Protein backbone atom coordinates (compact mmCIF):
# COMPACT_ATOMS: atom_id res chain seq x y z
CA MET A 1 107.93 124.58 4.81
CA ASN A 2 109.75 123.86 1.58
CA THR A 3 112.63 121.48 2.58
CA ALA A 4 113.94 121.98 -1.10
CA LEU A 5 115.04 125.59 0.22
CA HIS A 6 117.29 124.38 2.84
CA PHE A 7 118.29 120.79 1.48
CA PRO A 8 118.58 121.64 -2.20
CA THR A 9 119.90 119.53 -5.18
CA ARG A 10 122.72 121.21 -6.97
CA HIS A 11 125.03 119.73 -9.99
CA GLY A 12 123.13 116.37 -9.15
CA VAL A 13 124.24 116.36 -5.56
CA LEU A 14 121.98 116.78 -2.50
CA HIS A 15 123.04 119.60 -0.12
CA ALA A 16 122.63 121.17 3.26
CA GLU A 17 122.35 124.72 2.56
CA ASP A 18 125.49 125.38 0.64
CA ILE A 19 127.43 122.20 1.72
CA PRO A 20 127.28 118.95 -0.24
CA LEU A 21 126.03 116.14 2.00
CA SER A 22 128.45 113.95 0.54
CA ASP A 23 131.50 116.37 1.95
CA LEU A 24 129.77 116.11 5.42
CA ALA A 25 129.65 112.14 5.29
CA GLN A 26 133.17 112.09 4.17
CA GLN A 27 134.24 114.28 7.01
CA HIS A 28 132.13 113.02 9.82
CA GLY A 29 131.28 109.50 8.76
CA THR A 30 127.85 107.92 8.96
CA PRO A 31 125.22 107.48 10.34
CA LEU A 32 125.09 111.41 10.57
CA TYR A 33 122.32 113.65 11.68
CA VAL A 34 122.66 117.05 9.84
CA TYR A 35 120.40 120.23 10.70
CA SER A 36 120.05 123.34 8.82
CA ARG A 37 120.10 126.56 10.82
CA ALA A 38 118.26 128.35 8.28
CA ALA A 39 115.53 125.95 8.45
CA LEU A 40 115.10 126.22 11.95
CA GLN A 41 115.20 129.91 11.54
CA ALA A 42 112.28 129.84 9.01
CA ALA A 43 110.28 127.54 10.87
CA TRP A 44 110.53 129.96 14.21
CA GLN A 45 109.56 132.96 11.61
CA ARG A 46 106.43 131.36 10.99
CA TYR A 47 105.38 131.37 14.45
CA GLU A 48 106.79 134.69 15.26
CA SER A 49 104.84 136.33 12.66
CA ALA A 50 101.66 134.41 13.54
CA ILE A 51 101.99 136.13 17.12
CA ALA A 52 103.28 139.53 16.29
CA GLY A 53 101.80 142.07 18.45
CA ARG A 54 100.01 139.56 20.70
CA ASN A 55 100.44 138.57 24.38
CA ALA A 56 102.03 135.31 23.50
CA LEU A 57 104.80 133.07 24.06
CA VAL A 58 106.26 130.06 22.08
CA CYS A 59 107.79 127.48 24.19
CA TYR A 60 109.63 125.02 22.30
CA GLY A 61 109.02 121.38 22.84
CA VAL A 62 112.52 120.10 23.70
CA LYS A 63 111.82 116.40 23.54
CA ALA A 64 111.56 116.73 19.84
CA ASN A 65 115.33 117.52 19.60
CA SER A 66 117.24 118.50 22.59
CA ASN A 67 120.64 119.15 21.02
CA LEU A 68 122.41 122.31 22.83
CA ALA A 69 123.10 123.92 19.49
CA VAL A 70 119.38 123.62 18.45
CA LEU A 71 118.19 124.84 21.93
CA HIS A 72 120.62 127.66 21.91
CA GLU A 73 119.31 128.65 18.66
CA PHE A 74 115.87 128.80 19.71
CA GLN A 75 116.81 130.50 22.93
CA ARG A 76 118.74 133.17 20.66
CA LEU A 77 115.59 133.64 18.57
CA GLY A 78 113.54 134.45 21.87
CA ALA A 79 111.76 131.08 22.51
CA GLY A 80 110.74 129.69 25.84
CA PHE A 81 110.79 125.89 26.34
CA ASP A 82 108.33 123.31 27.18
CA ILE A 83 110.28 120.68 29.25
CA VAL A 84 109.19 117.15 30.57
CA SER A 85 112.19 116.19 32.83
CA GLY A 86 114.94 117.47 35.21
CA GLY A 87 117.42 116.48 32.32
CA GLU A 88 115.66 118.73 30.05
CA LEU A 89 115.50 121.39 32.49
CA ALA A 90 119.27 121.18 32.90
CA ARG A 91 119.95 121.09 29.10
CA VAL A 92 117.98 124.42 28.46
CA MET A 93 119.64 126.19 31.40
CA ALA A 94 122.96 125.09 30.04
CA ALA A 95 121.94 126.49 26.49
CA GLY A 96 121.17 129.81 28.09
CA ALA A 97 117.53 129.74 28.80
CA SER A 98 115.73 132.11 31.32
CA ALA A 99 114.06 130.02 33.80
CA SER A 100 111.05 132.37 33.86
CA ARG A 101 110.23 131.15 30.38
CA ILE A 102 110.29 127.49 31.14
CA VAL A 103 107.14 125.49 31.41
CA PHE A 104 107.34 121.94 32.91
CA SER A 105 104.84 119.26 31.38
CA GLY A 106 105.00 115.62 31.93
CA VAL A 107 102.78 113.10 34.16
CA GLY A 108 105.47 111.64 36.34
CA LYS A 109 107.45 114.43 37.87
CA GLN A 110 109.73 113.03 40.51
CA ALA A 111 110.25 114.93 43.75
CA TRP A 112 114.07 115.94 42.79
CA GLU A 113 112.70 117.46 39.48
CA ILE A 114 110.08 119.42 41.23
CA ARG A 115 112.73 120.71 43.80
CA GLN A 116 115.22 121.40 40.81
CA ALA A 117 112.42 123.46 38.90
CA LEU A 118 111.34 125.39 42.16
CA THR A 119 115.08 126.30 42.79
CA ALA A 120 115.51 127.53 39.39
CA GLY A 121 112.16 129.58 39.35
CA ILE A 122 110.57 128.17 36.30
CA LYS A 123 107.21 129.87 34.92
CA CYS A 124 104.83 127.33 35.78
CA PHE A 125 104.30 123.64 36.39
CA ASN A 126 101.70 121.95 34.00
CA VAL A 127 100.00 119.54 36.64
CA GLU A 128 98.75 116.26 35.35
CA SER A 129 97.19 114.61 38.39
CA ALA A 130 95.62 115.18 41.92
CA ASP A 131 98.53 113.27 43.44
CA GLU A 132 101.03 115.45 41.61
CA LEU A 133 99.36 118.67 42.85
CA THR A 134 99.48 117.29 46.24
CA ARG A 135 103.32 116.50 45.89
CA LEU A 136 104.01 119.75 44.48
CA ALA A 137 102.14 121.61 47.30
CA ALA A 138 104.04 119.76 50.08
CA ILE A 139 107.30 120.25 48.44
CA ALA A 140 106.66 124.00 47.90
CA GLN A 141 105.62 124.21 51.30
CA GLU A 142 108.92 122.55 52.73
CA MET A 143 110.94 124.69 50.88
CA GLY A 144 109.29 127.93 51.69
CA VAL A 145 108.17 128.94 48.21
CA ARG A 146 104.92 129.20 46.19
CA ALA A 147 104.86 126.89 43.13
CA PRO A 148 103.13 128.27 40.07
CA VAL A 149 100.73 125.94 38.48
CA SER A 150 98.32 125.16 35.80
CA LEU A 151 96.31 121.97 35.40
CA ARG A 152 96.64 120.16 32.29
CA VAL A 153 93.10 119.21 31.66
CA ASN A 154 92.13 116.51 29.15
CA PRO A 155 89.29 117.80 27.02
CA ASP A 156 88.53 114.12 25.44
CA VAL A 157 89.15 115.71 21.94
CA ASP A 158 90.28 113.31 18.88
CA ALA A 159 93.45 114.87 17.41
CA LYS A 160 93.01 112.56 14.37
CA THR A 161 96.67 111.44 14.45
CA HIS A 162 98.46 108.27 15.25
CA PRO A 163 97.29 106.81 18.58
CA TYR A 164 100.55 106.61 20.06
CA ILE A 165 101.00 110.38 19.76
CA SER A 166 97.33 111.20 20.55
CA THR A 167 97.34 112.72 24.05
CA GLY A 168 93.70 114.43 24.60
CA LEU A 169 91.40 111.33 24.69
CA LYS A 170 89.95 110.45 27.96
CA ASP A 171 91.79 106.97 27.68
CA ASN A 172 95.06 108.53 27.36
CA LYS A 173 97.45 108.80 30.42
CA PHE A 174 97.72 112.38 30.14
CA GLY A 175 95.99 115.57 31.78
CA ILE A 176 92.99 115.65 34.35
CA ASP A 177 89.42 115.16 33.16
CA ILE A 178 88.04 118.45 32.43
CA ARG A 179 85.20 117.65 34.35
CA GLN A 180 87.22 117.20 37.53
CA ALA A 181 89.11 120.37 37.08
CA PRO A 182 87.16 122.95 38.77
CA ALA A 183 87.33 120.89 42.07
CA LEU A 184 91.17 120.87 41.80
CA TYR A 185 91.60 124.38 40.87
CA ARG A 186 89.50 125.16 43.95
CA GLN A 187 91.71 122.95 46.16
CA ALA A 188 94.91 124.62 44.61
CA GLN A 189 93.30 128.08 45.58
CA GLN A 190 93.35 127.05 49.03
CA HIS A 191 96.65 126.05 49.46
CA PRO A 192 99.15 128.72 50.56
CA SER A 193 102.09 127.14 48.87
CA LEU A 194 100.21 127.14 45.25
CA GLU A 195 99.92 130.11 42.84
CA ILE A 196 97.49 129.52 40.08
CA MET A 197 98.74 130.79 36.71
CA GLY A 198 96.75 129.12 34.08
CA VAL A 199 95.18 126.38 32.38
CA ASP A 200 96.77 123.90 30.06
CA CYS A 201 95.83 121.46 27.22
CA HIS A 202 97.72 119.25 24.67
CA ILE A 203 96.02 117.02 22.67
CA GLY A 204 98.40 115.27 20.49
CA SER A 205 101.27 115.34 17.73
CA GLN A 206 101.64 115.53 13.96
CA ILE A 207 98.28 117.25 13.73
CA THR A 208 97.34 118.50 10.47
CA GLU A 209 93.90 120.02 10.94
CA ILE A 210 92.97 122.90 13.10
CA SER A 211 89.41 121.71 14.00
CA PRO A 212 90.63 119.56 16.94
CA TYR A 213 92.43 122.50 18.56
CA LEU A 214 89.27 124.65 18.04
CA ASP A 215 87.29 121.93 19.65
CA ALA A 216 89.46 121.66 22.56
CA LEU A 217 89.44 125.60 22.94
CA ASP A 218 85.89 125.81 23.26
CA LYS A 219 85.93 123.33 26.28
CA LEU A 220 88.40 125.43 27.67
CA LEU A 221 86.48 128.37 27.31
CA THR A 222 83.63 127.07 29.15
CA LEU A 223 86.10 125.79 31.95
CA ILE A 224 87.49 129.27 32.41
CA ASP A 225 83.87 130.76 32.68
CA LEU A 226 83.33 128.13 35.60
CA LEU A 227 86.71 129.24 37.22
CA LYS A 228 85.68 132.71 37.01
CA ALA A 229 82.49 132.02 38.64
CA ASP A 230 84.32 130.52 41.51
CA GLY A 231 86.69 133.55 41.64
CA ILE A 232 89.71 132.08 40.16
CA THR A 233 91.64 134.20 38.09
CA LEU A 234 93.97 133.01 35.38
CA ARG A 235 97.15 134.60 33.66
CA HIS A 236 97.59 132.52 30.82
CA LEU A 237 96.14 129.81 28.30
CA ASP A 238 98.39 126.95 27.11
CA LEU A 239 97.07 125.40 24.10
CA GLY A 240 100.04 123.14 23.73
CA GLY A 241 101.72 122.06 20.51
CA GLY A 242 101.36 119.20 17.92
CA LEU A 243 101.18 120.85 14.64
CA GLY A 244 102.32 118.60 12.08
CA ILE A 245 104.83 118.66 9.26
CA ARG A 246 104.91 117.27 5.83
CA TYR A 247 106.44 113.75 5.59
CA ILE A 248 104.86 112.58 2.50
CA ASP A 249 101.96 114.38 1.27
CA GLU A 250 100.46 116.23 4.20
CA ASN A 251 99.24 119.77 4.07
CA PRO A 252 99.67 120.92 7.76
CA PRO A 253 98.28 124.34 8.48
CA HIS A 254 100.46 127.48 8.99
CA PRO A 255 100.56 128.67 12.76
CA ALA A 256 98.69 131.69 11.61
CA ASP A 257 95.82 129.37 10.49
CA LEU A 258 95.20 128.19 13.94
CA LEU A 259 96.09 131.21 15.73
CA ASN A 260 94.08 133.93 14.17
CA PRO A 261 90.84 131.96 14.86
CA VAL A 262 92.12 131.40 18.72
CA PHE A 263 92.94 134.86 19.24
CA ALA A 264 89.50 136.03 17.71
CA ALA A 265 87.90 133.60 20.10
CA LEU A 266 89.75 135.13 23.18
CA GLN A 267 88.86 138.41 22.21
CA GLN A 268 85.11 137.40 21.73
CA HIS A 269 85.17 136.20 25.06
CA GLY A 270 86.57 139.03 26.81
CA LEU A 271 89.96 136.85 27.64
CA ASP A 272 92.56 138.75 25.30
CA ASN A 273 94.23 139.72 28.72
CA LEU A 274 95.44 136.08 28.96
CA GLN A 275 98.81 135.33 27.65
CA LEU A 276 98.70 132.60 25.09
CA ILE A 277 101.19 129.89 25.37
CA LEU A 278 102.20 127.27 22.62
CA GLU A 279 104.35 124.43 22.93
CA PRO A 280 105.60 123.59 19.30
CA GLY A 281 108.33 120.91 18.52
CA ARG A 282 108.15 118.93 15.34
CA SER A 283 106.70 122.06 13.39
CA LEU A 284 110.06 123.95 14.24
CA VAL A 285 112.66 121.00 13.91
CA GLY A 286 111.17 118.19 12.04
CA ASN A 287 112.09 119.30 8.59
CA ALA A 288 115.21 120.94 9.64
CA GLY A 289 117.28 117.72 9.53
CA VAL A 290 118.15 114.61 7.67
CA LEU A 291 119.96 111.40 8.71
CA LEU A 292 122.85 110.50 6.20
CA THR A 293 123.43 106.66 5.98
CA ARG A 294 125.55 104.44 3.53
CA VAL A 295 124.41 101.32 1.51
CA GLU A 296 126.46 98.43 2.98
CA TYR A 297 125.05 95.43 0.84
CA LEU A 298 122.20 95.21 -1.64
CA LYS A 299 120.47 91.76 -1.05
CA HIS A 300 118.02 90.47 -3.35
CA THR A 301 115.73 87.57 -2.57
CA GLU A 302 112.75 85.78 -4.14
CA ALA A 303 110.24 87.73 -1.76
CA ARG A 304 111.86 91.09 -1.31
CA ASN A 305 115.07 93.31 -2.14
CA PHE A 306 116.94 94.83 0.88
CA ALA A 307 119.35 97.65 0.72
CA ILE A 308 121.10 97.15 4.14
CA VAL A 309 122.45 100.61 5.52
CA ASP A 310 124.66 101.51 8.40
CA ALA A 311 121.89 103.37 10.06
CA ALA A 312 119.40 101.46 12.13
CA MET A 313 116.23 101.46 14.29
CA ASN A 314 118.65 102.55 17.31
CA ASP A 315 119.40 105.74 15.22
CA LEU A 316 115.76 106.43 13.82
CA MET A 317 113.05 104.83 16.12
CA ARG A 318 110.06 106.39 14.24
CA PRO A 319 109.19 103.68 11.62
CA ALA A 320 109.60 100.76 13.86
CA LEU A 321 107.76 102.27 16.49
CA TYR A 322 104.88 104.21 14.46
CA GLU A 323 105.47 102.55 11.19
CA ALA A 324 106.21 106.27 10.16
CA TRP A 325 107.24 107.46 6.53
CA HIS A 326 110.41 109.18 5.91
CA ASP A 327 111.42 109.92 2.26
CA VAL A 328 114.59 108.42 1.17
CA THR A 329 116.73 110.17 -1.24
CA PRO A 330 120.11 109.21 -2.93
CA VAL A 331 122.60 112.02 -2.22
CA GLN A 332 123.90 111.63 -5.74
CA PRO A 333 121.86 109.35 -7.92
CA HIS A 334 123.18 106.89 -10.47
CA ALA A 335 122.28 107.51 -14.07
CA ASP A 336 122.99 103.83 -14.96
CA ALA A 337 121.79 101.68 -12.08
CA SER A 338 118.98 99.45 -12.16
CA THR A 339 116.15 100.67 -10.37
CA HIS A 340 114.31 98.00 -7.84
CA THR A 341 111.73 98.14 -5.13
CA TYR A 342 113.66 97.96 -1.89
CA ASP A 343 113.19 97.94 1.87
CA ILE A 344 115.69 99.88 3.66
CA VAL A 345 116.97 98.03 6.66
CA GLY A 346 119.74 98.21 9.25
CA PRO A 347 121.99 95.85 10.78
CA ILE A 348 120.15 95.37 14.06
CA CYS A 349 118.94 92.02 14.93
CA GLU A 350 115.28 92.65 14.97
CA SER A 351 113.03 92.22 11.90
CA GLY A 352 111.33 95.34 12.86
CA ASP A 353 114.73 96.97 11.92
CA TRP A 354 113.65 98.97 8.96
CA LEU A 355 113.72 102.89 8.01
CA ALA A 356 111.62 102.69 5.03
CA ARG A 357 109.66 100.10 2.79
CA GLY A 358 108.66 99.42 -0.75
CA ARG A 359 110.75 102.44 -2.09
CA SER A 360 111.65 102.63 -6.15
CA LEU A 361 115.43 103.32 -5.90
CA ALA A 362 118.33 102.91 -8.52
CA LEU A 363 121.15 102.00 -5.91
CA ALA A 364 124.64 100.61 -5.81
CA GLN A 365 126.73 99.37 -2.69
CA GLY A 366 128.52 102.31 -1.14
CA ASP A 367 125.66 104.68 -2.00
CA LEU A 368 124.81 107.67 0.46
CA LEU A 369 121.14 108.17 1.24
CA ALA A 370 119.49 110.91 3.05
CA ILE A 371 116.43 110.07 5.26
CA GLN A 372 114.33 113.16 5.10
CA SER A 373 112.35 114.63 7.82
CA ALA A 374 114.65 113.54 10.56
CA GLY A 375 114.99 116.56 12.75
CA ALA A 376 112.23 115.75 15.26
CA TYR A 377 112.08 112.66 17.32
CA ALA A 378 114.90 111.07 15.83
CA PHE A 379 118.32 111.46 17.42
CA SER A 380 116.25 112.18 20.71
CA MET A 381 114.72 108.94 20.79
CA SER A 382 118.16 106.92 19.65
CA SER A 383 119.70 104.31 21.72
CA GLN A 384 122.73 102.22 21.88
CA TYR A 385 120.64 98.83 21.12
CA ASN A 386 123.10 96.16 20.08
CA SER A 387 126.20 98.22 21.44
CA ARG A 388 125.87 100.72 18.83
CA PRO A 389 127.37 104.06 19.24
CA ARG A 390 124.93 106.87 18.59
CA ALA A 391 125.45 108.94 15.60
CA ALA A 392 127.23 112.35 15.28
CA GLU A 393 125.17 115.49 14.87
CA VAL A 394 126.24 118.71 12.40
CA LEU A 395 124.78 121.86 12.36
CA VAL A 396 125.03 123.82 8.85
CA ASP A 397 124.80 127.61 8.51
CA GLY A 398 125.41 128.63 4.97
CA SER A 399 128.70 127.31 3.65
CA GLN A 400 130.34 126.67 7.24
CA SER A 401 129.38 123.65 9.55
CA TRP A 402 129.84 122.51 13.04
CA LEU A 403 130.00 119.15 14.85
CA VAL A 404 127.67 119.86 17.81
CA ARG A 405 127.74 116.29 19.07
CA PRO A 406 130.51 113.85 18.29
CA ARG A 407 130.06 110.46 17.38
CA GLU A 408 130.17 108.23 20.51
CA THR A 409 132.99 105.51 20.69
CA ILE A 410 132.64 101.95 21.44
CA GLN A 411 134.50 102.73 24.90
CA ASP A 412 131.90 105.59 25.48
CA LEU A 413 129.39 102.64 25.64
CA TYR A 414 130.54 100.80 28.62
CA ALA A 415 132.74 103.49 30.27
CA GLN A 416 130.49 103.81 33.19
CA GLU A 417 130.08 100.06 33.69
CA ARG A 418 131.79 97.98 36.35
CA ILE A 419 132.67 94.22 36.70
CA ILE A 420 132.58 92.81 40.07
CA PRO A 421 135.14 90.82 41.72
CA GLY A 422 134.91 87.16 41.23
CA PRO A 423 133.73 84.74 44.29
CA ASP A 424 136.40 84.00 46.84
């Protein structure tokens, strides 16, 4: 997706759609997350065109960005949702989602979350262990309902991505060893409170090649043949999400580049009756957002030059956690400032508090910077470390903007805390 379409530079000023980012920073302060509605719609359209006329459901991966306005936009466009917690279930329901279009993933589902999802009537649980299957069956039996289940199998496929976001290798915590899956499916088939719906697989995130998906699909097709021999009928195949975006120079595939060979393989195996489920997150929101931050100080030392900004690792964790790259763009570049190589750092008391390193920029104190590609795993991973209020979020649609999450106040940080009485 071409981010310049939705965050263009006009008259020397970076915009979000038709609004200068400097105007939004002036109105709402910084740090500030800004999202483009047109970018969300364009990213969705790439998937919608790829599945046109097919029996497929795109379930947005809520963990990437869980703001209610973003969730409601995808609900309006026709998305289902992939959740990983009871909190995310509550969010998507508050955003108007239909429970029948929600799949529940995650390795550590608690009993209250399972009850909450069964009461709501979700589409499917993606089960990630034998113990989870046992707990789910017991709770469903206690409630007098049947729990719809898929097993998330681990195919031991290298997604060729950062090890922290690779989820399909045998030494990852996710999923059930694909070799053990037939026995668990037979166990599920015998339990009256479980209803087998499909098979699920998710191999990682920020994937920029389709070959890992196709390797996983080959193993899933073999598993489906084994299940069929056991008399186990499936209704859907969930390939997960994980398609990447461009942060620096990546060239991630279009969803159709992945889905065309997937649909062809299903047809070749006589499985085009299966509904295909996808769980994209980053590829729908990653390049639909920027983080605005202002330069507080410029610090030049013998070893390095630092641009100390008002955003920090509590606002954007990805660089500190993954050494992730985000482009840094001055919102209104200087024609007369000297260019230096800067590390962009925040005020957190950690040496790991950096947003970018080694960037050649012409900066002055007070400059406004846009941290690019900040729509995914950005605000959703933010915290209040160092007692810093979390940033505000704004959604732009053409020449209009909405504050979709106000900035937290200092008082918000401790409003729920209590001081205990002193000793007698």
